[in-house]
Amino acid sequence: MCTSVAKSGYAWNLHQRDHTLGVMVSAILEGKPDKNLILVTGRIHPKLAEDVAQQLGIDLLETTAYDFANGEMYVRYTESVRGADVFVLQSHYQPINKAIMEQLIMIDALKRASARSITAVCPLVGYSRQDKKHRGREPISCRLIFDLLKTAGADRIMSVDLHAAQSQGFFDGPVDHLIAMPVLVDYIRDRFQGQLDNVAVVSPDAGRIRVAEQWAQRLGGGPLAFVHKTRDITRPNQAVANRVVGDVQGKDCVLVDDLIDTAGTIAGACHVLQEAGAKSVTVVATHGVLSGPAVERLKNCGAREVVLTDTVPIPDEKRWDGLTVLSIAPLLASAIRAVFEDGSVAELFDTYPEHHGQGFLFA
């Protein structure tokens, strides 16, 4: 198989040789490529899309998008997408409902323009925490989001660290559930070089203990702990950290979670760990939503460092000296390349090279 870059600058063209006939299959199409990869983005996180495109060695397809006076949205692609494999990148971030609707409209436009396949790349899936019913007469909103993406025309979904991995079963089609752990673990391993024997991995609640176990294994099999907490399901963003289960006395604790919203859970966990005698606490999470009082809580929780990825945009006003933001673009680009080339996304996490061969990329 040989690879070449199309003249348009935004597509990879893959020509597969038919060894039986001894000619290029694409010759049947009079020189047209067999496959085109196109990457488009909504307006929520264009910087991430640009970084992914750079990793892929392509350009973003130019898109016209604007709002009407009444709040409705308009989308149009400036070039043909007929027969192309299109990846639509949009993180479901504030304003979240507008972000979701814009991606649905973009997917619908691609379907009506005869794209060959459409992959919804959602680094953060909106409503992913509403993945089950806690009480009667409640919706399962995460299922609704997946249904809407399918109805709009998405053939496939790609996401990073779903709140509950089993949510991928809501979608009637392939779901590439990427994990940011290789990126984050690599950074933590580097930060605690020579001190890993004193690192304890901590889950902020019992529900994520499995993820914490995987972290501990990747960091050399150190001790594991979790923070017992209670939550009032009738009040959003309300949780109380009670006590630490496990020995963290004198340990450098790495507190791992999938998402930080208002930071109440994480800040409370930091205080409980310090009261239990932890030497230091480093907070690590994939999605830094950072709503409301989150920044102030994280600044004042006593954490040595807060490490996030850029699955959602983190503006300058929400950044401080103790925050580190790692780029998720190399991981997304590797997964997109694997899907486009009919490779294995699962093998990506077994072979993902340390530092991705290019040092840490900060966002």
Protein backbone atom coordinates (compact mmCIF):
# COMPACT_ATOMS: atom_id res chain seq x y z
CA MET A 1 0.00 0.00 0.00
CA CYS A 2 1.34 3.42 -0.86
CA THR A 3 0.26 6.79 0.46
CA SER A 4 0.19 10.18 -1.24
CA VAL A 5 -1.17 13.62 -0.41
CA ALA A 6 -3.91 15.03 -2.60
CA LYS A 7 -3.44 18.32 -4.43
CA SER A 8 -6.33 19.84 -2.51
CA GLY A 9 -4.21 19.70 0.64
CA TYR A 10 -6.91 18.32 2.89
CA ALA A 11 -7.10 14.65 1.93
CA TRP A 12 -4.95 11.57 2.21
CA ASN A 13 -5.26 9.38 -0.88
CA LEU A 14 -4.61 5.68 -0.37
CA HIS A 15 -4.13 3.60 -3.54
CA GLN A 16 -4.26 -0.16 -3.07
CA ARG A 17 -2.53 -2.29 -5.69
CA ASP A 18 -4.45 -5.25 -7.16
CA HIS A 19 -1.67 -7.84 -7.45
CA THR A 20 -3.86 -10.12 -9.62
CA LEU A 21 -4.35 -7.55 -12.34
CA GLY A 22 -1.01 -5.86 -11.77
CA VAL A 23 -2.58 -2.40 -12.03
CA MET A 24 -3.70 0.27 -9.59
CA VAL A 25 -7.32 -0.19 -8.60
CA SER A 26 -7.76 3.57 -8.66
CA ALA A 27 -7.05 3.55 -12.40
CA ILE A 28 -10.60 2.30 -12.83
CA LEU A 29 -11.70 5.63 -11.40
CA GLU A 30 -9.68 7.51 -14.00
CA GLY A 31 -7.12 8.78 -11.54
CA LYS A 32 -9.52 9.58 -8.71
CA PRO A 33 -8.34 8.42 -5.27
CA ASP A 34 -9.87 5.36 -3.68
CA LYS A 35 -10.21 7.04 -0.31
CA ASN A 36 -10.15 10.62 0.92
CA LEU A 37 -9.80 11.63 4.56
CA ILE A 38 -11.41 14.93 5.45
CA LEU A 39 -11.34 16.57 8.88
CA VAL A 40 -13.88 19.27 9.75
CA THR A 41 -14.54 21.08 13.00
CA GLY A 42 -17.30 22.95 14.73
CA ARG A 43 -16.73 26.28 16.43
CA ILE A 44 -16.26 25.02 20.00
CA HIS A 45 -12.61 23.90 19.92
CA PRO A 46 -10.95 24.85 16.60
CA LYS A 47 -7.49 24.87 18.21
CA LEU A 48 -7.69 21.15 18.98
CA ALA A 49 -8.88 20.42 15.43
CA GLU A 50 -5.94 22.40 14.02
CA ASP A 51 -3.52 20.44 16.21
CA VAL A 52 -5.04 17.12 15.09
CA ALA A 53 -4.82 18.19 11.45
CA GLN A 54 -1.17 19.11 11.95
CA GLN A 55 -0.47 15.68 13.46
CA LEU A 56 -2.14 14.07 10.43
CA GLY A 57 -0.28 16.28 7.98
CA ILE A 58 -3.48 17.64 6.42
CA ASP A 59 -5.49 20.85 6.37
CA LEU A 60 -8.95 21.34 7.82
CA LEU A 61 -11.71 21.58 5.25
CA GLU A 62 -13.00 25.14 5.28
CA THR A 63 -16.53 25.39 6.62
CA THR A 64 -18.98 28.29 6.59
CA ALA A 65 -20.90 28.44 9.86
CA TYR A 66 -22.84 31.23 11.50
CA ASP A 67 -25.86 31.97 13.69
CA PHE A 68 -29.06 33.62 12.56
CA ALA A 69 -30.58 36.41 14.64
CA ASN A 70 -32.99 33.97 16.29
CA GLY A 71 -30.20 31.60 17.35
CA GLU A 72 -30.57 29.01 14.59
CA MET A 73 -27.34 27.81 12.94
CA TYR A 74 -26.23 27.50 9.33
CA VAL A 75 -23.44 25.24 8.05
CA ARG A 76 -22.04 24.71 4.56
CA TYR A 77 -18.86 23.05 3.31
CA THR A 78 -16.88 25.01 0.75
CA GLU A 79 -15.65 21.95 -1.19
CA SER A 80 -17.07 18.62 -2.29
CA VAL A 81 -17.15 15.80 0.26
CA ARG A 82 -18.65 13.20 -2.08
CA GLY A 83 -17.18 9.75 -1.45
CA ALA A 84 -14.93 10.97 1.35
CA ASP A 85 -14.39 9.55 4.84
CA VAL A 86 -15.17 12.57 7.00
CA PHE A 87 -14.33 13.08 10.67
CA VAL A 88 -16.40 15.78 12.42
CA LEU A 89 -14.61 17.06 15.52
CA GLN A 90 -16.70 18.82 18.14
CA SER A 91 -16.30 18.66 21.90
CA HIS A 92 -19.59 19.03 23.76
CA TYR A 93 -18.61 22.04 25.84
CA GLN A 94 -20.21 25.32 26.86
CA PRO A 95 -22.65 26.27 25.47
CA ILE A 96 -23.18 22.52 25.43
CA ASN A 97 -26.58 22.32 23.73
CA LYS A 98 -25.41 24.60 20.94
CA ALA A 99 -22.26 22.50 20.51
CA ILE A 100 -24.29 19.32 20.14
CA MET A 101 -26.79 20.86 17.73
CA GLU A 102 -24.02 22.30 15.55
CA GLN A 103 -22.37 18.89 15.24
CA LEU A 104 -25.71 17.30 14.33
CA ILE A 105 -26.25 19.90 11.59
CA MET A 106 -22.71 19.35 10.28
CA ILE A 107 -23.29 15.60 10.12
CA ASP A 108 -26.63 16.06 8.35
CA ALA A 109 -24.99 18.31 5.75
CA LEU A 110 -22.32 15.67 5.10
CA LYS A 111 -24.88 12.90 4.71
CA ARG A 112 -26.84 14.97 2.18
CA ALA A 113 -23.59 15.78 0.34
CA SER A 114 -22.87 12.05 -0.19
CA ALA A 115 -19.93 11.57 2.15
CA ARG A 116 -18.90 7.91 2.11
CA SER A 117 -18.60 7.61 5.89
CA ILE A 118 -19.07 10.02 8.78
CA THR A 119 -17.32 9.72 12.13
CA ALA A 120 -18.43 11.98 14.97
CA VAL A 121 -15.28 12.78 16.94
CA CYS A 122 -16.50 13.91 20.36
CA PRO A 123 -13.52 14.23 22.73
CA LEU A 124 -16.08 14.92 25.47
CA VAL A 125 -19.59 13.53 25.00
CA GLY A 126 -22.27 15.76 26.46
CA TYR A 127 -24.67 14.35 29.04
CA SER A 128 -22.36 11.35 29.53
CA ARG A 129 -22.90 11.47 33.30
CA GLN A 130 -26.63 10.89 32.78
CA ASP A 131 -26.08 7.28 31.73
CA LYS A 132 -28.65 5.61 33.98
CA LYS A 133 -31.79 6.32 35.98
CA HIS A 134 -31.24 7.08 39.66
CA ARG A 135 -34.94 7.63 40.34
CA GLY A 136 -38.24 7.10 38.57
CA ARG A 137 -39.34 9.35 35.69
CA GLU A 138 -35.76 10.40 34.84
CA PRO A 139 -34.28 10.37 31.32
CA ILE A 140 -31.18 8.54 30.17
CA SER A 141 -29.82 11.56 28.35
CA CYS A 142 -26.55 9.94 27.28
CA ARG A 143 -28.52 7.39 25.25
CA LEU A 144 -30.46 10.24 23.65
CA ILE A 145 -27.23 11.95 22.50
CA PHE A 146 -26.01 8.76 20.82
CA ASP A 147 -29.41 8.26 19.18
CA LEU A 148 -29.36 11.82 17.83
CA LEU A 149 -25.88 11.37 16.35
CA LYS A 150 -27.01 8.16 14.64
CA THR A 151 -30.20 9.76 13.31
CA ALA A 152 -28.25 12.72 11.94
CA GLY A 153 -26.09 10.33 9.92
CA ALA A 154 -23.02 9.40 11.97
CA ASP A 155 -21.71 5.93 11.12
CA ARG A 156 -19.18 5.87 13.93
CA ILE A 157 -18.35 7.71 17.15
CA MET A 158 -14.93 8.43 18.59
CA SER A 159 -14.62 9.73 22.14
CA VAL A 160 -12.12 10.02 24.98
CA ASP A 161 -12.78 8.60 28.46
CA LEU A 162 -16.54 8.23 28.59
CA HIS A 163 -17.86 8.67 32.12
CA ALA A 164 -19.04 5.05 31.97
CA ALA A 165 -17.36 2.80 29.40
CA GLN A 166 -20.52 0.76 28.92
CA SER A 167 -22.25 3.84 27.49
CA GLN A 168 -20.72 2.98 24.13
CA GLY A 169 -23.36 0.26 23.92
CA PHE A 170 -25.98 3.00 23.49
CA PHE A 171 -24.80 3.64 19.91
CA ASP A 172 -25.96 1.40 17.08
CA GLY A 173 -22.58 1.21 15.37
CA PRO A 174 -18.84 1.22 16.09
CA VAL A 175 -17.59 3.34 19.00
CA ASP A 176 -13.88 4.01 19.41
CA HIS A 177 -13.53 4.64 23.14
CA LEU A 178 -10.09 6.19 23.53
CA ILE A 179 -8.36 6.48 26.88
CA ALA A 180 -6.09 9.36 27.83
CA MET A 181 -4.25 7.24 30.38
CA PRO A 182 -1.14 6.62 28.20
CA VAL A 183 -0.65 10.38 27.80
CA LEU A 184 -1.26 11.21 31.46
CA VAL A 185 0.65 8.26 32.94
CA ASP A 186 3.67 9.08 30.81
CA TYR A 187 3.71 12.62 32.21
CA ILE A 188 3.29 11.50 35.82
CA ARG A 189 6.01 8.87 35.41
CA ASP A 190 8.34 11.60 34.19
CA ARG A 191 7.37 14.02 36.99
CA PHE A 192 8.03 11.42 39.69
CA GLN A 193 11.11 9.90 38.09
CA GLY A 194 13.11 8.11 40.77
CA GLN A 195 10.26 8.50 43.29
CA LEU A 196 7.63 6.14 41.87
CA ASP A 197 8.04 3.74 44.80
CA ASN A 198 6.46 6.42 47.01
CA VAL A 199 3.49 7.13 44.71
CA ALA A 200 0.00 6.03 45.75
CA VAL A 201 -2.83 6.17 43.21
CA VAL A 202 -6.12 7.41 44.64
CA SER A 203 -9.63 7.23 43.22
CA PRO A 204 -11.96 10.08 44.29
CA ASP A 205 -14.74 7.54 44.86
CA ALA A 206 -15.37 3.81 44.86
CA GLY A 207 -16.87 3.91 41.37
CA ARG A 208 -13.55 4.63 39.68
CA ILE A 209 -11.40 2.18 41.62
CA ARG A 210 -10.96 0.02 38.50
CA VAL A 211 -9.36 2.93 36.64
CA ALA A 212 -7.12 3.65 39.63
CA GLU A 213 -5.99 0.00 39.57
CA GLN A 214 -4.97 0.36 35.93
CA TRP A 215 -3.05 3.52 36.81
CA ALA A 216 -1.25 1.76 39.65
CA GLN A 217 -0.24 -1.10 37.35
CA ARG A 218 1.18 1.29 34.75
CA LEU A 219 3.11 3.16 37.45
CA GLY A 220 4.75 0.02 38.77
CA GLY A 221 2.17 -1.57 41.05
CA GLY A 222 2.24 0.91 43.94
CA PRO A 223 -0.37 1.20 46.70
CA LEU A 224 -3.98 2.03 45.96
CA ALA A 225 -6.60 4.00 47.90
CA PHE A 226 -9.97 5.61 47.40
CA VAL A 227 -11.98 8.35 49.06
CA HIS A 228 -15.34 7.34 50.46
CA LYS A 229 -17.95 9.97 49.62
CA THR A 230 -21.67 10.49 49.83
CA ARG A 231 -23.81 12.26 47.24
CA ASP A 232 -27.30 13.75 47.35
CA ILE A 233 -28.85 12.64 44.05
CA THR A 234 -31.52 15.33 44.36
CA ARG A 235 -28.92 18.12 44.23
CA PRO A 236 -26.52 18.46 41.26
CA ASN A 237 -22.79 18.86 41.87
CA GLN A 238 -23.14 18.04 45.57
CA ALA A 239 -20.82 15.42 47.08
CA VAL A 240 -19.09 15.12 50.45
CA ALA A 241 -15.73 13.38 50.89
CA ASN A 242 -15.69 11.51 54.18
CA ARG A 243 -12.57 9.39 54.68
CA VAL A 244 -9.71 7.62 52.93
CA VAL A 245 -9.82 3.86 52.48
CA GLY A 246 -6.18 2.77 52.19
CA ASP A 247 -2.83 3.92 53.59
CA VAL A 248 -1.57 7.24 52.18
CA GLN A 249 0.60 8.31 55.13
CA GLY A 250 3.74 9.98 53.75
CA LYS A 251 2.81 9.12 50.16
CA ASP A 252 2.86 11.25 47.02
CA CYS A 253 -0.77 10.77 46.04
CA VAL A 254 -1.95 10.89 42.42
CA LEU A 255 -5.69 11.57 42.50
CA VAL A 256 -7.21 10.43 39.18
CA ASP A 257 -10.64 11.19 37.72
CA ASP A 258 -12.27 11.41 34.31
CA LEU A 259 -13.82 14.88 34.58
CA ILE A 260 -13.58 17.95 36.79
CA ASP A 261 -16.70 20.11 36.66
CA THR A 262 -17.17 22.31 39.74
CA ALA A 263 -14.23 20.54 41.49
CA GLY A 264 -16.18 19.96 44.70
CA THR A 265 -15.38 16.24 44.77
CA ILE A 266 -11.70 16.71 43.90
CA ALA A 267 -11.11 19.60 46.31
CA GLY A 268 -12.78 17.66 49.11
CA ALA A 269 -10.70 14.59 48.32
CA CYS A 270 -7.50 16.66 48.42
CA HIS A 271 -8.34 17.95 51.91
CA VAL A 272 -9.18 14.45 53.18
CA LEU A 273 -5.91 13.06 51.79
CA GLN A 274 -3.90 15.81 53.45
CA GLU A 275 -5.67 15.14 56.76
CA ALA A 276 -4.75 11.45 56.33
CA GLY A 277 -1.05 12.36 56.16
CA ALA A 278 -0.34 12.45 52.43
CA LYS A 279 3.01 14.02 51.58
CA SER A 280 1.62 15.63 48.41
CA VAL A 281 -1.41 15.42 46.13
CA THR A 282 -1.29 15.68 42.33
CA VAL A 283 -4.69 15.90 40.63
CA VAL A 284 -5.01 14.27 37.20
CA ALA A 285 -8.13 14.29 35.00
CA THR A 286 -8.96 13.95 31.32
CA HIS A 287 -11.69 16.56 30.93
CA GLY A 288 -11.26 19.99 32.53
CA VAL A 289 -14.75 21.47 32.27
CA LEU A 290 -14.01 23.81 35.21
CA SER A 291 -17.46 25.27 35.79
CA GLY A 292 -18.35 27.94 38.35
CA PRO A 293 -16.06 27.88 41.41
CA ALA A 294 -13.79 25.13 40.04
CA VAL A 295 -10.69 27.24 39.44
CA GLU A 296 -10.72 28.83 42.90
CA ARG A 297 -11.35 25.47 44.53
CA LEU A 298 -8.44 23.88 42.70
CA LYS A 299 -6.14 26.79 43.47
CA ASN A 300 -6.92 26.52 47.18
CA CYS A 301 -7.19 22.75 47.64
CA GLY A 302 -3.49 22.29 48.41
CA ALA A 303 -2.70 20.17 45.36
CA ARG A 304 0.90 20.21 44.21
CA GLU A 305 -0.21 20.27 40.55
CA VAL A 306 -3.38 19.82 38.49
CA VAL A 307 -2.87 17.96 35.20
CA LEU A 308 -5.56 17.99 32.49
CA THR A 309 -5.82 17.34 28.76
CA ASP A 310 -7.30 19.71 26.20
CA THR A 311 -10.35 17.65 25.26
CA VAL A 312 -12.25 20.88 25.94
CA PRO A 313 -10.90 24.41 25.52
CA ILE A 314 -9.39 25.89 28.68
CA PRO A 315 -9.23 29.69 28.25
CA ASP A 316 -6.42 31.79 29.70
CA GLU A 317 -8.64 33.16 32.47
CA LYS A 318 -9.06 29.62 33.80
CA ARG A 319 -5.34 28.85 33.86
CA TRP A 320 -2.92 29.35 36.72
CA ASP A 321 0.68 28.46 37.58
CA GLY A 322 -0.27 25.15 39.15
CA LEU A 323 -2.14 23.90 36.07
CA THR A 324 -0.61 21.74 33.33
CA VAL A 325 -2.60 21.03 30.16
CA LEU A 326 -1.40 18.19 27.91
CA SER A 327 -2.39 17.91 24.27
CA ILE A 328 -4.71 15.05 23.33
CA ALA A 329 -4.18 15.77 19.62
CA PRO A 330 -1.53 13.05 19.00
CA LEU A 331 -3.84 10.40 20.47
CA LEU A 332 -6.84 11.56 18.43
CA ALA A 333 -4.75 11.75 15.26
CA SER A 334 -3.39 8.24 15.79
CA ALA A 335 -6.91 6.88 16.26
CA ILE A 336 -8.25 8.72 13.20
CA ARG A 337 -5.37 7.37 11.13
CA ALA A 338 -6.04 3.82 12.38
CA VAL A 339 -9.74 4.04 11.52
CA PHE A 340 -9.08 5.52 8.09
CA GLU A 341 -6.47 2.91 7.23
CA ASP A 342 -8.65 0.06 8.55
CA GLY A 343 -6.15 -0.56 11.32
CA SER A 344 -6.65 -1.50 14.96
CA VAL A 345 -7.53 1.21 17.46
CA ALA A 346 -7.24 -1.26 20.35
CA GLU A 347 -3.62 -2.03 19.47
CA LEU A 348 -2.92 1.69 19.63
CA PHE A 349 -3.00 1.58 23.44
CA ASP A 350 -0.70 -1.43 23.60
CA THR A 351 1.92 0.19 21.39
CA TYR A 352 1.44 3.91 22.13
CA PRO A 353 5.07 5.06 22.46
CA GLU A 354 6.25 6.97 25.47
CA HIS A 355 6.18 10.71 24.75
CA HIS A 356 4.75 9.71 21.33
CA GLY A 357 8.30 10.06 20.04
CA GLN A 358 8.19 13.85 20.21
CA GLY A 359 8.31 14.86 23.87
CA PHE A 360 5.33 16.14 25.82
CA LEU A 361 2.95 18.35 23.87
CA PHE A 362 1.41 21.04 26.02
CA ALA A 363 -1.82 22.79 25.07
